[in-house]
Structure formats: structure tokens, C-alpha cells
Amino acid sequence: ADKEEEEEEHPAPADSAVVAPTAADQAPSAKGTEPFETDESAATPPPYPAYCTTARISIPAPVPMPAWTDSEVVRLLAISSPPASPLSPWSSPP
């Protein structure tokens, strides 16, 4: 059963595998002291932010695309149209 569990953790993010052993090592040490609850709480948050960051990096990528496209479109239009043709109607509306 241990081998199967280890194999499943291997494909998972290396961070998770590294954090798991660290928390387990601290848990027993703190357990003997008593304030293990505090240690466990501090060891639990680390893996969370790491996961949040990974998901955040994937989300912000597509977000700037639309904004960047808009700016690029306007720039392309201005560069493609040397004569202020599209700018004329925009500058002096009817």
C-alpha cells in the first residue's frame, strides 16, 4: 500500500511531496512538546499558498490577453492606416 501511495504522490507536484514529509517530521516532534496544534496549523498553510499561486499563474495568463489584444488592435489599426482615416471620424464626430 505504501508503494502505491508513493507512486501516486510522485506524479503530483514535487512541492506537495516535500511538504508532506516536513509536516510529518514536525508533527511528532511538536506532539511530544504539546503545542503541536500550532505547528500543524503553520505547516498546513504553506502547501495552500503554493497551490493558490499555481492556479493564479494559469488564470492571469488568459486575462491580460484580451486587454493586450485591444491595445494591439488599436495600434495595428493606426499603423496599418497611415492616413488618419479611422481617426478622422473619431476626432470629429457628426
PDB file of N, CA and C in Angstrom:
ATOM      1  N   ALA A   1       0.857  -1.195   0.000  1.00  0.00           N
ATOM      2  CA  ALA A   1       0.000   0.000   0.000  1.00  0.00           C
ATOM      3  C   ALA A   1       0.893   1.246   0.000  1.00  0.00           C
ATOM      4  N   ASP A   2       2.054   1.155   0.662  1.00  0.00           N
ATOM      5  CA  ASP A   2       2.954   2.320   0.720  1.00  0.00           C
ATOM      6  C   ASP A   2       3.482   2.656  -0.664  1.00  0.00           C
ATOM      7  N   LYS A   3       3.819   1.605  -1.405  1.00  0.00           N
ATOM      8  CA  LYS A   3       4.375   1.831  -2.753  1.00  0.00           C
ATOM      9  C   LYS A   3       3.341   2.526  -3.636  1.00  0.00           C
ATOM     10  N   GLU A   4       2.114   2.082  -3.522  1.00  0.00           N
ATOM     11  CA  GLU A   4       1.059   2.676  -4.376  1.00  0.00           C
ATOM     12  C   GLU A   4       0.872   4.152  -4.017  1.00  0.00           C
ATOM     13  N   GLU A   5       0.884   4.427  -2.733  1.00  0.00           N
ATOM     14  CA  GLU A   5       0.680   5.821  -2.306  1.00  0.00           C
ATOM     15  C   GLU A   5       1.836   6.700  -2.783  1.00  0.00           C
ATOM     16  N   GLU A   6       3.034   6.149  -2.678  1.00  0.00           N
ATOM     17  CA  GLU A   6       4.209   6.935  -3.094  1.00  0.00           C
ATOM     18  C   GLU A   6       4.157   7.204  -4.591  1.00  0.00           C
ATOM     19  N   GLU A   7       3.710   6.192  -5.321  1.00  0.00           N
ATOM     20  CA  GLU A   7       3.666   6.352  -6.786  1.00  0.00           C
ATOM     21  C   GLU A   7       2.666   7.441  -7.154  1.00  0.00           C
ATOM     22  N   GLU A   8       1.584   7.486  -6.390  1.00  0.00           N
ATOM     23  CA  GLU A   8       0.547   8.485  -6.710  1.00  0.00           C
ATOM     24  C   GLU A   8       1.059   9.895  -6.374  1.00  0.00           C
ATOM     25  N   GLU A   9       1.873   9.982  -5.352  1.00  0.00           N
ATOM     26  CA  GLU A   9       2.382  11.301  -4.962  1.00  0.00           C
ATOM     27  C   GLU A   9       3.479  11.769  -5.913  1.00  0.00           C
ATOM     28  N   HIS A  10       4.142  10.824  -6.542  1.00  0.00           N
ATOM     29  CA  HIS A  10       5.230  11.185  -7.465  1.00  0.00           C
ATOM     30  C   HIS A  10       4.724  12.070  -8.593  1.00  0.00           C
ATOM     31  N   PRO A  11       3.651  11.650  -9.276  1.00  0.00           N
ATOM     32  CA  PRO A  11       3.131  12.452 -10.400  1.00  0.00           C
ATOM     33  C   PRO A  11       2.635  13.804  -9.900  1.00  0.00           C
ATOM     34  N   ALA A  12       2.196  13.857  -8.655  1.00  0.00           N
ATOM     35  CA  ALA A  12       1.699  15.122  -8.105  1.00  0.00           C
ATOM     36  C   ALA A  12       2.857  16.115  -8.015  1.00  0.00           C
ATOM     37  N   PRO A  13       2.547  17.382  -7.719  1.00  0.00           N
ATOM     38  CA  PRO A  13       3.599  18.413  -7.621  1.00  0.00           C
ATOM     39  C   PRO A  13       4.663  18.019  -6.600  1.00  0.00           C
ATOM     40  N   ALA A  14       5.920  18.236  -6.921  1.00  0.00           N
ATOM     41  CA  ALA A  14       7.018  17.872  -6.016  1.00  0.00           C
ATOM     42  C   ALA A  14       6.865  18.640  -4.703  1.00  0.00           C
ATOM     43  N   ASP A  15       6.321  19.843  -4.767  1.00  0.00           N
ATOM     44  CA  ASP A  15       6.149  20.652  -3.554  1.00  0.00           C
ATOM     45  C   ASP A  15       5.317  19.883  -2.531  1.00  0.00           C
ATOM     46  N   SER A  16       4.237  19.267  -2.992  1.00  0.00           N
ATOM     47  CA  SER A  16       3.339  18.535  -2.095  1.00  0.00           C
ATOM     48  C   SER A  16       4.121  17.405  -1.411  1.00  0.00           C
ATOM     49  N   ALA A  17       4.930  16.691  -2.171  1.00  0.00           N
ATOM     50  CA  ALA A  17       5.682  15.553  -1.625  1.00  0.00           C
ATOM     51  C   ALA A  17       6.711  16.066  -0.614  1.00  0.00           C
ATOM     52  N   VAL A  18       7.289  17.204  -0.857  1.00  0.00           N
ATOM     53  CA  VAL A  18       8.314  17.737   0.053  1.00  0.00           C
ATOM     54  C   VAL A  18       7.661  18.289   1.319  1.00  0.00           C
ATOM     55  N   VAL A  19       6.489  18.876   1.175  1.00  0.00           N
ATOM     56  CA  VAL A  19       5.798  19.453   2.338  1.00  0.00           C
ATOM     57  C   VAL A  19       5.253  18.345   3.235  1.00  0.00           C
ATOM     58  N   ALA A  20       4.778  17.254   2.622  1.00  0.00           N
ATOM     59  CA  ALA A  20       4.190  16.146   3.402  1.00  0.00           C
ATOM     60  C   ALA A  20       5.208  15.620   4.420  1.00  0.00           C
ATOM     61  N   PRO A  21       6.417  15.256   3.987  1.00  0.00           N
ATOM     62  CA  PRO A  21       7.408  14.718   4.922  1.00  0.00           C
ATOM     63  C   PRO A  21       7.808  15.765   5.963  1.00  0.00           C
ATOM     64  N   THR A  22       7.870  17.003   5.583  1.00  0.00           N
ATOM     65  CA  THR A  22       8.269  18.059   6.526  1.00  0.00           C
ATOM     66  C   THR A  22       7.238  18.182   7.642  1.00  0.00           C
ATOM     67  N   ALA A  23       5.970  18.202   7.295  1.00  0.00           N
ATOM     68  CA  ALA A  23       4.904  18.338   8.286  1.00  0.00           C
ATOM     69  C   ALA A  23       4.895  17.104   9.193  1.00  0.00           C
ATOM     70  N   ALA A  24       5.110  15.927   8.613  1.00  0.00           N
ATOM     71  CA  ALA A  24       5.089  14.687   9.406  1.00  0.00           C
ATOM     72  C   ALA A  24       6.259  14.714  10.393  1.00  0.00           C
ATOM     73  N   ASP A  25       7.394  15.223   9.967  1.00  0.00           N
ATOM     74  CA  ASP A  25       8.566  15.268  10.851  1.00  0.00           C
ATOM     75  C   ASP A  25       8.316  16.242  12.008  1.00  0.00           C
ATOM     76  N   GLN A  26       7.662  17.340  11.719  1.00  0.00           N
ATOM     77  CA  GLN A  26       7.401  18.352  12.749  1.00  0.00           C
ATOM     78  C   GLN A  26       6.268  17.908  13.660  1.00  0.00           C
ATOM     79  N   ALA A  27       5.287  17.212  13.102  1.00  0.00           N
ATOM     80  CA  ALA A  27       4.119  16.784  13.890  1.00  0.00           C
ATOM     81  C   ALA A  27       4.558  15.948  15.097  1.00  0.00           C
ATOM     82  N   PRO A  28       5.349  14.885  14.895  1.00  0.00           N
ATOM     83  CA  PRO A  28       5.768  14.040  16.016  1.00  0.00           C
ATOM     84  C   PRO A  28       6.622  14.837  17.010  1.00  0.00           C
ATOM     85  N   SER A  29       7.482  15.681  16.526  1.00  0.00           N
ATOM     86  CA  SER A  29       8.370  16.454  17.401  1.00  0.00           C
ATOM     87  C   SER A  29       7.528  17.410  18.258  1.00  0.00           C
ATOM     88  N   ALA A  30       6.585  18.078  17.635  1.00  0.00           N
ATOM     89  CA  ALA A  30       5.741  19.029  18.352  1.00  0.00           C
ATOM     90  C   ALA A  30       4.772  18.277  19.262  1.00  0.00           C
ATOM     91  N   LYS A  31       4.333  17.100  18.815  1.00  0.00           N
ATOM     92  CA  LYS A  31       3.370  16.320  19.606  1.00  0.00           C
ATOM     93  C   LYS A  31       3.956  16.069  21.005  1.00  0.00           C
ATOM     94  N   GLY A  32       5.225  15.744  21.057  1.00  0.00           N
ATOM     95  CA  GLY A  32       5.853  15.454  22.348  1.00  0.00           C
ATOM     96  C   GLY A  32       5.927  16.727  23.193  1.00  0.00           C
ATOM     97  N   THR A  33       6.015  17.865  22.557  1.00  0.00           N
ATOM     98  CA  THR A  33       6.102  19.120  23.297  1.00  0.00           C
ATOM     99  C   THR A  33       4.727  19.543  23.811  1.00  0.00           C
ATOM    100  N   GLU A  34       3.703  19.323  22.979  1.00  0.00           N
ATOM    101  CA  GLU A  34       2.306  19.637  23.329  1.00  0.00           C
ATOM    102  C   GLU A  34       1.737  20.647  22.334  1.00  0.00           C
ATOM    103  N   PRO A  35       2.406  21.775  22.136  1.00  0.00           N
ATOM    104  CA  PRO A  35       1.892  22.790  21.186  1.00  0.00           C
ATOM    105  C   PRO A  35       2.015  22.316  19.750  1.00  0.00           C
ATOM    106  N   PHE A  36       1.617  21.057  19.522  1.00  0.00           N
ATOM    107  CA  PHE A  36       1.715  20.522  18.147  1.00  0.00           C
ATOM    108  C   PHE A  36       0.609  21.124  17.299  1.00  0.00           C
ATOM    109  N   GLU A  37      -0.467  21.557  17.935  1.00  0.00           N
ATOM    110  CA  GLU A  37      -1.590  22.136  17.159  1.00  0.00           C
ATOM    111  C   GLU A  37      -1.110  23.384  16.416  1.00  0.00           C
ATOM    112  N   THR A  38      -0.326  24.189  17.081  1.00  0.00           N
ATOM    113  CA  THR A  38       0.164  25.417  16.441  1.00  0.00           C
ATOM    114  C   THR A  38       1.088  25.074  15.277  1.00  0.00           C
ATOM    115  N   ASP A  39       1.951  24.098  15.513  1.00  0.00           N
ATOM    116  CA  ASP A  39       2.888  23.698  14.450  1.00  0.00           C
ATOM    117  C   ASP A  39       2.120  23.162  13.248  1.00  0.00           C
ATOM    118  N   GLU A  40       1.103  22.350  13.516  1.00  0.00           N
ATOM    119  CA  GLU A  40       0.339  21.748  12.414  1.00  0.00           C
ATOM    120  C   GLU A  40      -0.347  22.868  11.624  1.00  0.00           C
ATOM    121  N   SER A  41      -0.832  23.859  12.317  1.00  0.00           N
ATOM    122  CA  SER A  41      -1.543  24.963  11.640  1.00  0.00           C
ATOM    123  C   SER A  41      -0.569  25.719  10.733  1.00  0.00           C
ATOM    124  N   ALA A  42       0.638  25.893  11.209  1.00  0.00           N
ATOM    125  CA  ALA A  42       1.633  26.646  10.422  1.00  0.00           C
ATOM    126  C   ALA A  42       2.137  25.800   9.260  1.00  0.00           C
ATOM    127  N   ALA A  43       2.147  24.482   9.443  1.00  0.00           N
ATOM    128  CA  ALA A  43       2.648  23.601   8.375  1.00  0.00           C
ATOM    129  C   ALA A  43       1.554  23.364   7.337  1.00  0.00           C
ATOM    130  N   THR A  44       0.310  23.640   7.705  1.00  0.00           N
ATOM    131  CA  THR A  44      -0.801  23.423   6.758  1.00  0.00           C
ATOM    132  C   THR A  44      -0.916  24.571   5.755  1.00  0.00           C
ATOM    133  N   PRO A  45      -0.744  25.808   6.181  1.00  0.00           N
ATOM    134  CA  PRO A  45      -0.887  26.950   5.259  1.00  0.00           C
ATOM    135  C   PRO A  45       0.134  26.949   4.122  1.00  0.00           C
ATOM    136  N   PRO A  46       1.386  26.563   4.362  1.00  0.00           N
ATOM    137  CA  PRO A  46       2.399  26.594   3.287  1.00  0.00           C
ATOM    138  C   PRO A  46       1.932  25.910   2.012  1.00  0.00           C
ATOM    139  N   PRO A  47       1.422  24.672   2.102  1.00  0.00           N
ATOM    140  CA  PRO A  47       1.014  23.975   0.877  1.00  0.00           C
ATOM    141  C   PRO A  47      -0.151  24.681   0.208  1.00  0.00           C
ATOM    142  N   TYR A  48      -0.984  25.346   0.960  1.00  0.00           N
ATOM    143  CA  TYR A  48      -2.143  26.026   0.373  1.00  0.00           C
ATOM    144  C   TYR A  48      -1.723  27.160  -0.557  1.00  0.00           C
ATOM    145  N   PRO A  49      -0.918  28.100  -0.055  1.00  0.00           N
ATOM    146  CA  PRO A  49      -0.483  29.234  -0.900  1.00  0.00           C
ATOM    147  C   PRO A  49       0.216  28.757  -2.167  1.00  0.00           C
ATOM    148  N   ALA A  50       0.975  27.686  -2.036  1.00  0.00           N
ATOM    149  CA  ALA A  50       1.700  27.174  -3.214  1.00  0.00           C
ATOM    150  C   ALA A  50       0.695  26.768  -4.279  1.00  0.00           C
ATOM    151  N   TYR A  51      -0.378  26.126  -3.847  1.00  0.00           N
ATOM    152  CA  TYR A  51      -1.385  25.682  -4.812  1.00  0.00           C
ATOM    153  C   TYR A  51      -2.108  26.893  -5.392  1.00  0.00           C
ATOM    154  N   CYS A  52      -2.385  27.854  -4.534  1.00  0.00           N
ATOM    155  CA  CYS A  52      -3.106  29.061  -4.989  1.00  0.00           C
ATOM    156  C   CYS A  52      -2.256  29.785  -6.043  1.00  0.00           C
ATOM    157  N   THR A  53      -0.972  29.872  -5.789  1.00  0.00           N
ATOM    158  CA  THR A  53      -0.088  30.568  -6.733  1.00  0.00           C
ATOM    159  C   THR A  53      -0.092  29.873  -8.085  1.00  0.00           C
ATOM    160  N   THR A  54      -0.059  28.561  -8.054  1.00  0.00           N
ATOM    161  CA  THR A  54      -0.032  27.817  -9.321  1.00  0.00           C
ATOM    162  C   THR A  54      -1.306  28.087 -10.108  1.00  0.00           C
ATOM    163  N   ALA A  55      -2.420  28.074  -9.418  1.00  0.00           N
ATOM    164  CA  ALA A  55      -3.698  28.295 -10.115  1.00  0.00           C
ATOM    165  C   ALA A  55      -3.774  29.753 -10.561  1.00  0.00           C
ATOM    166  N   ARG A  56      -3.240  30.639  -9.783  1.00  0.00           N
ATOM    167  CA  ARG A  56      -3.314  32.064 -10.117  1.00  0.00           C
ATOM    168  C   ARG A  56      -2.495  32.344 -11.381  1.00  0.00           C
ATOM    169  N   ILE A  57      -1.366  31.708 -11.493  1.00  0.00           N
ATOM    170  CA  ILE A  57      -0.494  31.943 -12.657  1.00  0.00           C
ATOM    171  C   ILE A  57      -1.212  31.513 -13.937  1.00  0.00           C
ATOM    172  N   SER A  58      -2.021  30.470 -13.818  1.00  0.00           N
ATOM    173  CA  SER A  58      -2.715  29.954 -15.007  1.00  0.00           C
ATOM    174  C   SER A  58      -3.873  30.889 -15.374  1.00  0.00           C
ATOM    175  N   ILE A  59      -4.481  31.507 -14.395  1.00  0.00           N
ATOM    176  CA  ILE A  59      -5.640  32.372 -14.662  1.00  0.00           C
ATOM    177  C   ILE A  59      -5.208  33.739 -15.222  1.00  0.00           C
ATOM    178  N   PRO A  60      -4.206  34.369 -14.649  1.00  0.00           N
ATOM    179  CA  PRO A  60      -3.789  35.697 -15.127  1.00  0.00           C
ATOM    180  C   PRO A  60      -3.283  35.664 -16.563  1.00  0.00           C
ATOM    181  N   ALA A  61      -2.804  34.543 -17.013  1.00  0.00           N
ATOM    182  CA  ALA A  61      -2.273  34.455 -18.383  1.00  0.00           C
ATOM    183  C   ALA A  61      -3.355  34.821 -19.401  1.00  0.00           C
ATOM    184  N   PRO A  62      -4.527  34.201 -19.332  1.00  0.00           N
ATOM    185  CA  PRO A  62      -5.579  34.497 -20.314  1.00  0.00           C
ATOM    186  C   PRO A  62      -6.214  35.860 -20.068  1.00  0.00           C
ATOM    187  N   VAL A  63      -6.126  36.379 -18.863  1.00  0.00           N
ATOM    188  CA  VAL A  63      -6.756  37.673 -18.560  1.00  0.00           C
ATOM    189  C   VAL A  63      -6.087  38.814 -19.336  1.00  0.00           C
ATOM    190  N   PRO A  64      -4.766  38.925 -19.286  1.00  0.00           N
ATOM    191  CA  PRO A  64      -4.092  40.025 -19.996  1.00  0.00           C
ATOM    192  C   PRO A  64      -4.236  39.909 -21.508  1.00  0.00           C
ATOM    193  N   MET A  65      -4.549  38.738 -21.983  1.00  0.00           N
ATOM    194  CA  MET A  65      -4.690  38.548 -23.437  1.00  0.00           C
ATOM    195  C   MET A  65      -5.716  39.525 -24.026  1.00  0.00           C
ATOM    196  N   PRO A  66      -6.933  39.539 -23.490  1.00  0.00           N
ATOM    197  CA  PRO A  66      -7.971  40.417 -24.052  1.00  0.00           C
ATOM    198  C   PRO A  66      -7.549  41.886 -23.990  1.00  0.00           C
ATOM    199  N   ALA A  67      -7.042  42.322 -22.850  1.00  0.00           N
ATOM    200  CA  ALA A  67      -6.635  43.722 -22.713  1.00  0.00           C
ATOM    201  C   ALA A  67      -5.494  44.015 -23.695  1.00  0.00           C
ATOM    202  N   TRP A  68      -4.566  43.098 -23.793  1.00  0.00           N
ATOM    203  CA  TRP A  68      -3.419  43.292 -24.694  1.00  0.00           C
ATOM    204  C   TRP A  68      -3.892  43.295 -26.134  1.00  0.00           C
ATOM    205  N   THR A  69      -4.903  42.468 -26.440  1.00  0.00           N
ATOM    206  CA  THR A  69      -5.411  42.398 -27.811  1.00  0.00           C
ATOM    207  C   THR A  69      -6.032  43.746 -28.186  1.00  0.00           C
ATOM    208  N   ASP A  70      -6.794  44.315 -27.281  1.00  0.00           N
ATOM    209  CA  ASP A  70      -7.453  45.600 -27.566  1.00  0.00           C
ATOM    210  C   ASP A  70      -6.399  46.646 -27.924  1.00  0.00           C
ATOM    211  N   SER A  71      -5.393  46.736 -27.103  1.00  0.00           N
ATOM    212  CA  SER A  71      -4.334  47.728 -27.344  1.00  0.00           C
ATOM    213  C   SER A  71      -3.638  47.423 -28.666  1.00  0.00           C
ATOM    214  N   GLU A  72      -3.396  46.143 -28.902  1.00  0.00           N
ATOM    215  CA  GLU A  72      -2.709  45.759 -30.141  1.00  0.00           C
ATOM    216  C   GLU A  72      -3.579  46.084 -31.349  1.00  0.00           C
ATOM    217  N   VAL A  73      -4.868  45.856 -31.230  1.00  0.00           N
ATOM    218  CA  VAL A  73      -5.788  46.132 -32.352  1.00  0.00           C
ATOM    219  C   VAL A  73      -5.739  47.622 -32.687  1.00  0.00           C
ATOM    220  N   VAL A  74      -5.829  48.453 -31.683  1.00  0.00           N
ATOM    221  CA  VAL A  74      -5.813  49.911 -31.923  1.00  0.00           C
ATOM    222  C   VAL A  74      -4.482  50.307 -32.556  1.00  0.00           C
ATOM    223  N   ARG A  75      -3.413  49.715 -32.062  1.00  0.00           N
ATOM    224  CA  ARG A  75      -2.088  50.059 -32.583  1.00  0.00           C
ATOM    225  C   ARG A  75      -1.977  49.578 -34.035  1.00  0.00           C
ATOM    226  N   LEU A  76      -2.440  48.377 -34.266  1.00  0.00           N
ATOM    227  CA  LEU A  76      -2.375  47.814 -35.617  1.00  0.00           C
ATOM    228  C   LEU A  76      -3.187  48.683 -36.576  1.00  0.00           C
ATOM    229  N   LEU A  77      -4.337  49.103 -36.135  1.00  0.00           N
ATOM    230  CA  LEU A  77      -5.205  49.942 -36.988  1.00  0.00           C
ATOM    231  C   LEU A  77      -4.485  51.250 -37.309  1.00  0.00           C
ATOM    232  N   ALA A  78      -3.873  51.849 -36.314  1.00  0.00           N
ATOM    233  CA  ALA A  78      -3.185  53.130 -36.519  1.00  0.00           C
ATOM    234  C   ALA A  78      -1.970  52.925 -37.428  1.00  0.00           C
ATOM    235  N   ILE A  79      -1.268  51.828 -37.251  1.00  0.00           N
ATOM    236  CA  ILE A  79      -0.072  51.566 -38.070  1.00  0.00           C
ATOM    237  C   ILE A  79      -0.480  51.158 -39.487  1.00  0.00           C
ATOM    238  N   SER A  80      -1.541  50.375 -39.587  1.00  0.00           N
ATOM    239  CA  SER A  80      -1.992  49.901 -40.900  1.00  0.00           C
ATOM    240  C   SER A  80      -2.587  51.069 -41.699  1.00  0.00           C
ATOM    241  N   SER A  81      -3.152  52.032 -41.003  1.00  0.00           N
ATOM    242  CA  SER A  81      -3.778  53.182 -41.688  1.00  0.00           C
ATOM    243  C   SER A  81      -2.947  54.437 -41.446  1.00  0.00           C
ATOM    244  N   PRO A  82      -1.911  54.652 -42.224  1.00  0.00           N
ATOM    245  CA  PRO A  82      -1.063  55.841 -42.055  1.00  0.00           C
ATOM    246  C   PRO A  82      -1.915  57.109 -42.070  1.00  0.00           C
ATOM    247  N   PRO A  83      -2.812  57.238 -43.031  1.00  0.00           N
ATOM    248  CA  PRO A  83      -3.682  58.425 -43.058  1.00  0.00           C
ATOM    249  C   PRO A  83      -4.696  58.327 -41.932  1.00  0.00           C
ATOM    250  N   ALA A  84      -4.873  59.363 -41.146  1.00  0.00           N
ATOM    251  CA  ALA A  84      -5.814  59.336 -40.017  1.00  0.00           C
ATOM    252  C   ALA A  84      -7.238  59.126 -40.521  1.00  0.00           C
ATOM    253  N   SER A  85      -7.466  58.087 -41.281  1.00  0.00           N
ATOM    254  CA  SER A  85      -8.819  57.831 -41.801  1.00  0.00           C
ATOM    255  C   SER A  85      -9.760  57.423 -40.667  1.00  0.00           C
ATOM    256  N   PRO A  86      -9.398  56.375 -39.914  1.00  0.00           N
ATOM    257  CA  PRO A  86     -10.264  55.936 -38.817  1.00  0.00           C
ATOM    258  C   PRO A  86     -10.229  56.929 -37.661  1.00  0.00           C
ATOM    259  N   LEU A  87      -9.226  57.762 -37.621  1.00  0.00           N
ATOM    260  CA  LEU A  87      -9.112  58.744 -36.536  1.00  0.00           C
ATOM    261  C   LEU A  87      -9.950  59.984 -36.856  1.00  0.00           C
ATOM    262  N   SER A  88     -10.133  60.264 -38.109  1.00  0.00           N
ATOM    263  CA  SER A  88     -10.894  61.450 -38.517  1.00  0.00           C
ATOM    264  C   SER A  88     -12.306  61.432 -37.932  1.00  0.00           C
ATOM    265  N   PRO A  89     -13.062  60.403 -38.217  1.00  0.00           N
ATOM    266  CA  PRO A  89     -14.434  60.344 -37.701  1.00  0.00           C
ATOM    267  C   PRO A  89     -14.445  60.296 -36.183  1.00  0.00           C
ATOM    268  N   TRP A  90     -13.403  59.714 -35.613  1.00  0.00           N
ATOM    269  CA  TRP A  90     -13.343  59.608 -34.156  1.00  0.00           C
ATOM    270  C   TRP A  90     -13.036  60.971 -33.533  1.00  0.00           C
ATOM    271  N   SER A  91     -12.183  61.723 -34.177  1.00  0.00           N
ATOM    272  CA  SER A  91     -11.782  63.026 -33.639  1.00  0.00           C
ATOM    273  C   SER A  91     -12.925  64.034 -33.797  1.00  0.00           C
ATOM    274  N   SER A  92     -13.571  64.028 -34.972  1.00  0.00           N
ATOM    275  CA  SER A  92     -14.660  64.988 -35.217  1.00  0.00           C
ATOM    276  C   SER A  92     -15.959  64.224 -35.501  1.00  0.00           C
ATOM    277  N   PRO A  93     -16.712  63.924 -34.442  1.00  0.00           N
ATOM    278  CA  PRO A  93     -17.975  63.183 -34.620  1.00  0.00           C
ATOM    279  C   PRO A  93     -19.012  64.038 -35.334  1.00  0.00           C
ATOM    280  N   PRO A  94     -20.048  63.422 -35.883  1.00  0.00           N
ATOM    281  CA  PRO A  94     -21.064  64.166 -36.653  1.00  0.00           C
ATOM    282  C   PRO A  94     -21.804  65.174 -35.808  1.00  0.00           C
TER     283      PRO A  94
END
